[in-house]
Amino acid sequence: QVQLVESGGGLVQPGGSLRLSCAASGISFSSDTMAWYRQAPGDTRELVAGVSPLRDKSYADSVRGRFTISRDDAKSTLYLQMNALRPDDTAVYYCNNLPPWTGSWGQGTQVTVSS
């Protein structure tokens, strides 16, 4: 079965940094395009960043220049380095395929940016 386990979230001040991790199993990780998504309270889930098996990367306009997505295929792990965090980055962050074809989601990891 598909398992996606996000970690690394927490409470940070504006301008701070966090590094999120996603441990994946039950998918062909090295062959799949992977992505980070987020959902803020009252909002729909949105795509944050994606990375292909060849490590082509894409970012939402709101995070480009501040966030970096990366992957370690040997560990089936996806990462998101988040710098210069803003209060409107506050959300639950999820990893999944791009597109999320499995229909399975992990528990997510909460990121709260507040002074």
Protein backbone atom coordinates (compact mmCIF):
# COMPACT_ATOMS: atom_id res chain seq x y z
CA GLN A 1 0.00 0.00 0.00
CA VAL A 2 1.00 3.58 -0.55
CA GLN A 3 2.54 5.30 2.44
CA LEU A 4 3.59 8.94 2.52
CA VAL A 5 5.01 10.20 5.79
CA GLU A 6 5.77 13.90 6.11
CA SER A 7 7.90 15.38 8.86
CA GLY A 8 9.90 18.47 9.76
CA GLY A 9 7.18 21.03 10.31
CA GLY A 10 6.94 23.30 13.29
CA LEU A 11 6.52 26.83 14.57
CA VAL A 12 8.93 29.42 13.18
CA GLN A 13 9.16 33.19 13.12
CA PRO A 14 8.76 35.17 9.90
CA GLY A 15 12.01 35.04 7.96
CA GLY A 16 12.92 31.68 9.44
CA SER A 17 13.62 28.36 7.73
CA LEU A 18 12.40 24.78 7.86
CA ARG A 19 13.31 21.61 5.99
CA LEU A 20 10.50 19.16 5.37
CA SER A 21 10.98 15.49 4.57
CA CYS A 22 8.67 12.92 2.98
CA ALA A 23 9.36 9.21 3.23
CA ALA A 24 7.53 7.33 0.47
CA SER A 25 6.78 3.66 -0.02
CA GLY A 26 4.42 1.63 -2.17
CA ILE A 27 5.19 3.70 -5.26
CA SER A 28 7.93 3.61 -7.89
CA PHE A 29 9.58 6.63 -6.35
CA SER A 30 12.57 6.93 -8.68
CA SER A 31 10.29 6.80 -11.75
CA ASP A 32 7.66 9.23 -10.47
CA THR A 33 7.34 12.97 -10.52
CA MET A 34 6.91 14.04 -6.92
CA ALA A 35 5.52 17.20 -5.40
CA TRP A 36 4.75 19.13 -2.26
CA TYR A 37 1.25 20.46 -1.66
CA ARG A 38 -0.16 22.60 1.12
CA GLN A 39 -3.53 23.47 2.56
CA ALA A 40 -4.15 26.51 4.73
CA PRO A 41 -7.18 26.77 7.03
CA GLY A 42 -10.28 27.46 4.97
CA ASP A 43 -8.43 27.05 1.68
CA THR A 44 -8.14 24.30 -0.89
CA ARG A 45 -5.03 22.21 -1.31
CA GLU A 46 -2.54 23.82 -3.67
CA LEU A 47 0.59 22.68 -5.45
CA VAL A 48 3.77 24.18 -4.00
CA ALA A 49 6.60 22.56 -5.96
CA GLY A 50 7.33 19.55 -8.13
CA VAL A 51 10.40 17.59 -9.24
CA SER A 52 10.61 15.07 -12.07
CA PRO A 53 12.73 11.88 -12.11
CA LEU A 54 15.29 13.85 -14.11
CA ARG A 55 15.20 16.59 -11.47
CA ASP A 56 13.42 19.22 -13.49
CA LYS A 57 11.80 21.48 -10.91
CA SER A 58 8.81 23.76 -10.82
CA TYR A 59 7.45 26.13 -8.18
CA ALA A 60 4.33 28.06 -7.40
CA ASP A 61 4.82 31.78 -7.96
CA SER A 62 4.31 32.43 -4.26
CA VAL A 63 7.32 30.32 -3.22
CA ARG A 64 9.72 30.61 -6.15
CA GLY A 65 13.09 31.89 -4.97
CA ARG A 66 12.39 30.95 -1.35
CA PHE A 67 11.70 27.19 -1.46
CA THR A 68 13.81 24.41 -2.95
CA ILE A 69 12.48 20.94 -3.72
CA SER A 70 14.86 17.99 -3.95
CA ARG A 71 14.82 14.20 -3.88
CA ASP A 72 16.97 11.29 -2.77
CA ASP A 73 15.96 8.29 -4.86
CA ALA A 74 18.17 5.88 -2.91
CA LYS A 75 16.16 6.73 0.21
CA SER A 76 12.79 7.27 -1.54
CA THR A 77 12.66 10.60 0.23
CA LEU A 78 11.47 14.01 -0.93
CA TYR A 79 12.58 17.26 0.68
CA LEU A 80 11.44 20.86 0.77
CA GLN A 81 13.84 23.51 2.01
CA MET A 82 11.83 26.56 2.99
CA ASN A 83 13.58 29.89 3.58
CA ALA A 84 12.35 33.42 4.22
CA LEU A 85 9.09 32.05 5.58
CA ARG A 86 6.04 34.28 5.70
CA PRO A 87 2.86 34.06 7.78
CA ASP A 88 0.90 33.14 4.64
CA ASP A 89 3.08 30.04 4.28
CA THR A 90 1.21 28.67 7.30
CA ALA A 91 -0.45 25.43 6.22
CA VAL A 92 -0.38 21.67 6.46
CA TYR A 93 2.18 20.42 3.96
CA TYR A 94 1.75 17.12 2.10
CA CYS A 95 3.81 15.16 -0.40
CA ASN A 96 2.45 13.07 -3.24
CA ASN A 97 2.88 12.24 -6.89
CA LEU A 98 2.30 14.94 -9.48
CA PRO A 99 -0.45 14.44 -10.38
CA PRO A 100 -1.56 12.69 -7.15
CA TRP A 101 -2.81 9.67 -9.05
CA THR A 102 -2.80 7.27 -6.11
CA GLY A 103 -5.52 9.20 -4.30
CA SER A 104 -3.70 8.46 -1.05
CA TRP A 105 -2.45 11.19 1.27
CA GLY A 106 -0.34 11.12 4.38
CA GLN A 107 -1.02 12.95 7.61
CA GLY A 108 0.87 16.03 6.49
CA THR A 109 3.11 18.18 8.64
CA GLN A 110 2.01 21.49 10.13
CA VAL A 111 4.02 24.61 9.35
CA THR A 112 3.13 27.69 11.36
CA VAL A 113 4.87 31.00 10.69
CA SER A 114 4.12 33.51 13.40
CA SER A 115 5.83 35.99 15.67
